[in-house]
Amino acid sequence: MRQIHRNEYPALDSILWDVKAEIIQPEVAFQLYEKRWKYIDPDQLTAQEKVLILELIDTIGKGLFLTA
């Protein structure tokens, strides 16, 4: 899976408050989506970000998405 540019995904960008990098590894993005899901409003996700999350769930999470 390709590296992720945080500025292309508003919800991801909003939960990366302690990360300065502009480019995020997919594993890091997946872990932070799971860990910080409570800070995301699913109704506000863009179509592009929904696709990214589903792709991460399939490839990194092996079909599982366990929010904290």
PDB file of N, CA and C in Angstrom:
ATOM      1  N   MET A   1       0.848  -1.184   0.000  1.00  0.00           N
ATOM      2  CA  MET A   1       0.000   0.000   0.000  1.00  0.00           C
ATOM      3  C   MET A   1       0.892   1.245   0.000  1.00  0.00           C
ATOM      4  N   ARG A   2       0.410   2.272  -0.631  1.00  0.00           N
ATOM      5  CA  ARG A   2       1.173   3.509  -0.780  1.00  0.00           C
ATOM      6  C   ARG A   2       1.207   4.333   0.516  1.00  0.00           C
ATOM      7  N   GLN A   3       2.151   5.253   0.565  1.00  0.00           N
ATOM      8  CA  GLN A   3       2.211   6.189   1.679  1.00  0.00           C
ATOM      9  C   GLN A   3       1.032   7.150   1.574  1.00  0.00           C
ATOM     10  N   ILE A   4       0.654   7.734   2.686  1.00  0.00           N
ATOM     11  CA  ILE A   4      -0.546   8.566   2.753  1.00  0.00           C
ATOM     12  C   ILE A   4      -0.156  10.012   3.022  1.00  0.00           C
ATOM     13  N   HIS A   5      -0.661  10.909   2.191  1.00  0.00           N
ATOM     14  CA  HIS A   5      -0.451  12.343   2.399  1.00  0.00           C
ATOM     15  C   HIS A   5      -1.573  12.841   3.307  1.00  0.00           C
ATOM     16  N   ARG A   6      -1.228  13.213   4.491  1.00  0.00           N
ATOM     17  CA  ARG A   6      -2.219  13.568   5.508  1.00  0.00           C
ATOM     18  C   ARG A   6      -3.150  14.698   5.093  1.00  0.00           C
ATOM     19  N   ASN A   7      -2.663  15.654   4.286  1.00  0.00           N
ATOM     20  CA  ASN A   7      -3.505  16.795   3.914  1.00  0.00           C
ATOM     21  C   ASN A   7      -4.609  16.425   2.923  1.00  0.00           C
ATOM     22  N   GLU A   8      -4.591  15.203   2.409  1.00  0.00           N
ATOM     23  CA  GLU A   8      -5.649  14.745   1.509  1.00  0.00           C
ATOM     24  C   GLU A   8      -6.839  14.152   2.273  1.00  0.00           C
ATOM     25  N   TYR A   9      -6.675  13.956   3.577  1.00  0.00           N
ATOM     26  CA  TYR A   9      -7.697  13.293   4.394  1.00  0.00           C
ATOM     27  C   TYR A   9      -7.944  14.114   5.662  1.00  0.00           C
ATOM     28  N   PRO A  10      -8.989  14.942   5.668  1.00  0.00           N
ATOM     29  CA  PRO A  10      -9.231  15.873   6.776  1.00  0.00           C
ATOM     30  C   PRO A  10      -9.353  15.213   8.160  1.00  0.00           C
ATOM     31  N   ALA A  11     -10.053  14.105   8.252  1.00  0.00           N
ATOM     32  CA  ALA A  11     -10.210  13.468   9.562  1.00  0.00           C
ATOM     33  C   ALA A  11      -8.883  12.909  10.054  1.00  0.00           C
ATOM     34  N   LEU A  12      -8.142  12.288   9.166  1.00  0.00           N
ATOM     35  CA  LEU A  12      -6.825  11.775   9.542  1.00  0.00           C
ATOM     36  C   LEU A  12      -5.935  12.921   9.997  1.00  0.00           C
ATOM     37  N   ASP A  13      -5.930  13.988   9.242  1.00  0.00           N
ATOM     38  CA  ASP A  13      -5.116  15.144   9.601  1.00  0.00           C
ATOM     39  C   ASP A  13      -5.484  15.660  10.993  1.00  0.00           C
ATOM     40  N   SER A  14      -6.755  15.649  11.314  1.00  0.00           N
ATOM     41  CA  SER A  14      -7.203  16.171  12.610  1.00  0.00           C
ATOM     42  C   SER A  14      -6.775  15.294  13.791  1.00  0.00           C
ATOM     43  N   ILE A  15      -6.549  14.007  13.562  1.00  0.00           N
ATOM     44  CA  ILE A  15      -6.133  13.130  14.669  1.00  0.00           C
ATOM     45  C   ILE A  15      -4.615  12.951  14.746  1.00  0.00           C
ATOM     46  N   LEU A  16      -3.909  13.598  13.849  1.00  0.00           N
ATOM     47  CA  LEU A  16      -2.445  13.520  13.869  1.00  0.00           C
ATOM     48  C   LEU A  16      -1.851  14.727  14.595  1.00  0.00           C
ATOM     49  N   TRP A  17      -2.452  15.107  15.710  1.00  0.00           N
ATOM     50  CA  TRP A  17      -2.029  16.297  16.421  1.00  0.00           C
ATOM     51  C   TRP A  17      -0.609  16.194  16.973  1.00  0.00           C
ATOM     52  N   ASP A  18      -0.094  15.001  17.168  1.00  0.00           N
ATOM     53  CA  ASP A  18       1.251  14.834  17.712  1.00  0.00           C
ATOM     54  C   ASP A  18       2.246  14.314  16.669  1.00  0.00           C
ATOM     55  N   VAL A  19       1.862  14.377  15.396  1.00  0.00           N
ATOM     56  CA  VAL A  19       2.713  13.912  14.298  1.00  0.00           C
ATOM     57  C   VAL A  19       2.992  15.093  13.377  1.00  0.00           C
ATOM     58  N   LYS A  20       4.264  15.343  13.110  1.00  0.00           N
ATOM     59  CA  LYS A  20       4.627  16.480  12.255  1.00  0.00           C
ATOM     60  C   LYS A  20       4.786  16.088  10.797  1.00  0.00           C
ATOM     61  N   ALA A  21       4.992  14.829  10.521  1.00  0.00           N
ATOM     62  CA  ALA A  21       5.244  14.366   9.159  1.00  0.00           C
ATOM     63  C   ALA A  21       4.040  14.631   8.256  1.00  0.00           C
ATOM     64  N   GLU A  22       4.321  14.992   7.018  1.00  0.00           N
ATOM     65  CA  GLU A  22       3.273  15.202   6.019  1.00  0.00           C
ATOM     66  C   GLU A  22       2.854  13.889   5.365  1.00  0.00           C
ATOM     67  N   ILE A  23       3.787  12.952   5.310  1.00  0.00           N
ATOM     68  CA  ILE A  23       3.525  11.648   4.701  1.00  0.00           C
ATOM     69  C   ILE A  23       3.523  10.593   5.804  1.00  0.00           C
ATOM     70  N   ILE A  24       2.453   9.801   5.846  1.00  0.00           N
ATOM     71  CA  ILE A  24       2.238   8.822   6.918  1.00  0.00           C
ATOM     72  C   ILE A  24       2.266   7.420   6.329  1.00  0.00           C
ATOM     73  N   GLN A  25       2.871   6.510   7.043  1.00  0.00           N
ATOM     74  CA  GLN A  25       2.855   5.109   6.638  1.00  0.00           C
ATOM     75  C   GLN A  25       1.455   4.535   6.884  1.00  0.00           C
ATOM     76  N   PRO A  26       0.978   3.648   6.036  1.00  0.00           N
ATOM     77  CA  PRO A  26      -0.363   3.074   6.198  1.00  0.00           C
ATOM     78  C   PRO A  26      -0.585   2.430   7.564  1.00  0.00           C
ATOM     79  N   GLU A  27       0.417   1.752   8.090  1.00  0.00           N
ATOM     80  CA  GLU A  27       0.273   1.098   9.401  1.00  0.00           C
ATOM     81  C   GLU A  27       0.021   2.122  10.509  1.00  0.00           C
ATOM     82  N   VAL A  28       0.713   3.242  10.430  1.00  0.00           N
ATOM     83  CA  VAL A  28       0.525   4.306  11.425  1.00  0.00           C
ATOM     84  C   VAL A  28      -0.871   4.898  11.296  1.00  0.00           C
ATOM     85  N   ALA A  29      -1.292   5.168  10.075  1.00  0.00           N
ATOM     86  CA  ALA A  29      -2.628   5.727   9.847  1.00  0.00           C
ATOM     87  C   ALA A  29      -3.698   4.785  10.403  1.00  0.00           C
ATOM     88  N   PHE A  30      -3.575   3.499  10.110  1.00  0.00           N
ATOM     89  CA  PHE A  30      -4.558   2.540  10.585  1.00  0.00           C
ATOM     90  C   PHE A  30      -4.604   2.507  12.114  1.00  0.00           C
ATOM     91  N   GLN A  31      -3.441   2.441  12.740  1.00  0.00           N
ATOM     92  CA  GLN A  31      -3.389   2.393  14.205  1.00  0.00           C
ATOM     93  C   GLN A  31      -4.024   3.630  14.827  1.00  0.00           C
ATOM     94  N   LEU A  32      -3.765   4.789  14.241  1.00  0.00           N
ATOM     95  CA  LEU A  32      -4.323   6.012  14.807  1.00  0.00           C
ATOM     96  C   LEU A  32      -5.816   6.160  14.521  1.00  0.00           C
ATOM     97  N   TYR A  33      -6.273   5.703  13.364  1.00  0.00           N
ATOM     98  CA  TYR A  33      -7.724   5.687  13.123  1.00  0.00           C
ATOM     99  C   TYR A  33      -8.407   4.833  14.201  1.00  0.00           C
ATOM    100  N   GLU A  34      -7.867   3.673  14.484  1.00  0.00           N
ATOM    101  CA  GLU A  34      -8.468   2.807  15.515  1.00  0.00           C
ATOM    102  C   GLU A  34      -8.407   3.466  16.889  1.00  0.00           C
ATOM    103  N   LYS A  35      -7.243   3.917  17.260  1.00  0.00           N
ATOM    104  CA  LYS A  35      -7.012   4.450  18.605  1.00  0.00           C
ATOM    105  C   LYS A  35      -7.784   5.750  18.861  1.00  0.00           C
ATOM    106  N   ARG A  36      -7.917   6.586  17.832  1.00  0.00           N
ATOM    107  CA  ARG A  36      -8.514   7.912  18.025  1.00  0.00           C
ATOM    108  C   ARG A  36      -9.853   8.073  17.305  1.00  0.00           C
ATOM    109  N   TRP A  37     -10.502   6.966  17.025  1.00  0.00           N
ATOM    110  CA  TRP A  37     -11.773   6.999  16.301  1.00  0.00           C
ATOM    111  C   TRP A  37     -12.819   7.859  17.002  1.00  0.00           C
ATOM    112  N   LYS A  38     -12.769   7.917  18.330  1.00  0.00           N
ATOM    113  CA  LYS A  38     -13.763   8.697  19.081  1.00  0.00           C
ATOM    114  C   LYS A  38     -13.696  10.194  18.763  1.00  0.00           C
ATOM    115  N   TYR A  39     -12.600  10.641  18.151  1.00  0.00           N
ATOM    116  CA  TYR A  39     -12.455  12.041  17.785  1.00  0.00           C
ATOM    117  C   TYR A  39     -12.914  12.331  16.348  1.00  0.00           C
ATOM    118  N   ILE A  40     -13.412  11.305  15.673  1.00  0.00           N
ATOM    119  CA  ILE A  40     -13.841  11.442  14.281  1.00  0.00           C
ATOM    120  C   ILE A  40     -15.358  11.343  14.191  1.00  0.00           C
ATOM    121  N   ASP A  41     -15.949  12.230  13.410  1.00  0.00           N
ATOM    122  CA  ASP A  41     -17.377  12.164  13.124  1.00  0.00           C
ATOM    123  C   ASP A  41     -17.525  11.436  11.782  1.00  0.00           C
ATOM    124  N   PRO A  42     -17.964  10.171  11.809  1.00  0.00           N
ATOM    125  CA  PRO A  42     -18.070   9.401  10.566  1.00  0.00           C
ATOM    126  C   PRO A  42     -18.938  10.066   9.499  1.00  0.00           C
ATOM    127  N   ASP A  43     -19.909  10.857   9.918  1.00  0.00           N
ATOM    128  CA  ASP A  43     -20.780  11.538   8.964  1.00  0.00           C
ATOM    129  C   ASP A  43     -20.053  12.650   8.202  1.00  0.00           C
ATOM    130  N   GLN A  44     -18.919  13.075   8.698  1.00  0.00           N
ATOM    131  CA  GLN A  44     -18.159  14.154   8.065  1.00  0.00           C
ATOM    132  C   GLN A  44     -17.021  13.645   7.176  1.00  0.00           C
ATOM    133  N   LEU A  45     -16.836  12.323   7.100  1.00  0.00           N
ATOM    134  CA  LEU A  45     -15.771  11.768   6.273  1.00  0.00           C
ATOM    135  C   LEU A  45     -16.055  12.005   4.792  1.00  0.00           C
ATOM    136  N   THR A  46     -15.025  12.366   4.065  1.00  0.00           N
ATOM    137  CA  THR A  46     -15.168  12.512   2.619  1.00  0.00           C
ATOM    138  C   THR A  46     -15.234  11.112   1.993  1.00  0.00           C
ATOM    139  N   ALA A  47     -15.748  11.040   0.792  1.00  0.00           N
ATOM    140  CA  ALA A  47     -15.810   9.750   0.088  1.00  0.00           C
ATOM    141  C   ALA A  47     -14.414   9.172  -0.079  1.00  0.00           C
ATOM    142  N   GLN A  48     -13.456  10.020  -0.371  1.00  0.00           N
ATOM    143  CA  GLN A  48     -12.068   9.584  -0.554  1.00  0.00           C
ATOM    144  C   GLN A  48     -11.511   8.987   0.744  1.00  0.00           C
ATOM    145  N   GLU A  49     -11.843   9.594   1.869  1.00  0.00           N
ATOM    146  CA  GLU A  49     -11.329   9.092   3.152  1.00  0.00           C
ATOM    147  C   GLU A  49     -12.017   7.788   3.545  1.00  0.00           C
ATOM    148  N   LYS A  50     -13.287   7.661   3.231  1.00  0.00           N
ATOM    149  CA  LYS A  50     -13.984   6.396   3.491  1.00  0.00           C
ATOM    150  C   LYS A  50     -13.329   5.250   2.730  1.00  0.00           C
ATOM    151  N   VAL A  51     -12.952   5.517   1.478  1.00  0.00           N
ATOM    152  CA  VAL A  51     -12.270   4.506   0.666  1.00  0.00           C
ATOM    153  C   VAL A  51     -10.931   4.146   1.308  1.00  0.00           C
ATOM    154  N   LEU A  52     -10.194   5.153   1.753  1.00  0.00           N
ATOM    155  CA  LEU A  52      -8.904   4.906   2.412  1.00  0.00           C
ATOM    156  C   LEU A  52      -9.082   4.029   3.646  1.00  0.00           C
ATOM    157  N   ILE A  53     -10.044   4.362   4.483  1.00  0.00           N
ATOM    158  CA  ILE A  53     -10.261   3.595   5.714  1.00  0.00           C
ATOM    159  C   ILE A  53     -10.610   2.149   5.387  1.00  0.00           C
ATOM    160  N   LEU A  54     -11.485   1.934   4.418  1.00  0.00           N
ATOM    161  CA  LEU A  54     -11.839   0.559   4.037  1.00  0.00           C
ATOM    162  C   LEU A  54     -10.629  -0.193   3.488  1.00  0.00           C
ATOM    163  N   GLU A  55      -9.802   0.508   2.730  1.00  0.00           N
ATOM    164  CA  GLU A  55      -8.579  -0.096   2.193  1.00  0.00           C
ATOM    165  C   GLU A  55      -7.625  -0.477   3.333  1.00  0.00           C
ATOM    166  N   LEU A  56      -7.491   0.407   4.315  1.00  0.00           N
ATOM    167  CA  LEU A  56      -6.639   0.116   5.472  1.00  0.00           C
ATOM    168  C   LEU A  56      -7.177  -1.062   6.280  1.00  0.00           C
ATOM    169  N   ILE A  57      -8.485  -1.111   6.451  1.00  0.00           N
ATOM    170  CA  ILE A  57      -9.102  -2.220   7.187  1.00  0.00           C
ATOM    171  C   ILE A  57      -8.811  -3.536   6.474  1.00  0.00           C
ATOM    172  N   ASP A  58      -8.941  -3.541   5.160  1.00  0.00           N
ATOM    173  CA  ASP A  58      -8.700  -4.770   4.393  1.00  0.00           C
ATOM    174  C   ASP A  58      -7.232  -5.193   4.419  1.00  0.00           C
ATOM    175  N   THR A  59      -6.329  -4.238   4.206  1.00  0.00           N
ATOM    176  CA  THR A  59      -4.924  -4.597   4.048  1.00  0.00           C
ATOM    177  C   THR A  59      -4.156  -4.681   5.367  1.00  0.00           C
ATOM    178  N   ILE A  60      -4.325  -3.705   6.224  1.00  0.00           N
ATOM    179  CA  ILE A  60      -3.578  -3.673   7.485  1.00  0.00           C
ATOM    180  C   ILE A  60      -4.333  -4.433   8.575  1.00  0.00           C
ATOM    181  N   GLY A  61      -5.631  -4.189   8.666  1.00  0.00           N
ATOM    182  CA  GLY A  61      -6.426  -4.795   9.732  1.00  0.00           C
ATOM    183  C   GLY A  61      -6.928  -6.203   9.421  1.00  0.00           C
ATOM    184  N   LYS A  62      -6.647  -6.686   8.214  1.00  0.00           N
ATOM    185  CA  LYS A  62      -7.101  -8.028   7.811  1.00  0.00           C
ATOM    186  C   LYS A  62      -8.606  -8.195   8.018  1.00  0.00           C
ATOM    187  N   GLY A  63      -9.348  -7.088   7.730  1.00  0.00           N
ATOM    188  CA  GLY A  63     -10.794  -7.119   7.825  1.00  0.00           C
ATOM    189  C   GLY A  63     -11.359  -6.692   9.166  1.00  0.00           C
ATOM    190  N   LEU A  64     -10.495  -6.386  10.134  1.00  0.00           N
ATOM    191  CA  LEU A  64     -10.945  -5.988  11.464  1.00  0.00           C
ATOM    192  C   LEU A  64     -10.616  -4.535  11.730  1.00  0.00           C
ATOM    193  N   PHE A  65     -11.541  -3.835  12.375  1.00  0.00           N
ATOM    194  CA  PHE A  65     -11.344  -2.452  12.790  1.00  0.00           C
ATOM    195  C   PHE A  65     -11.860  -2.332  14.211  1.00  0.00           C
ATOM    196  N   LEU A  66     -10.957  -2.315  15.163  1.00  0.00           N
ATOM    197  CA  LEU A  66     -11.318  -2.339  16.573  1.00  0.00           C
ATOM    198  C   LEU A  66     -11.056  -0.983  17.186  1.00  0.00           C
ATOM    199  N   THR A  67     -12.096  -0.188  17.345  1.00  0.00           N
ATOM    200  CA  THR A  67     -11.927   1.153  17.898  1.00  0.00           C
ATOM    201  C   THR A  67     -11.809   1.071  19.406  1.00  0.00           C
ATOM    202  N   ALA A  68     -11.082   2.037  19.938  1.00  0.00           N
ATOM    203  CA  ALA A  68     -10.854   2.083  21.400  1.00  0.00           C
ATOM    204  C   ALA A  68     -12.071   2.627  22.117  1.00  0.00           C
TER     205      ALA A  68
END
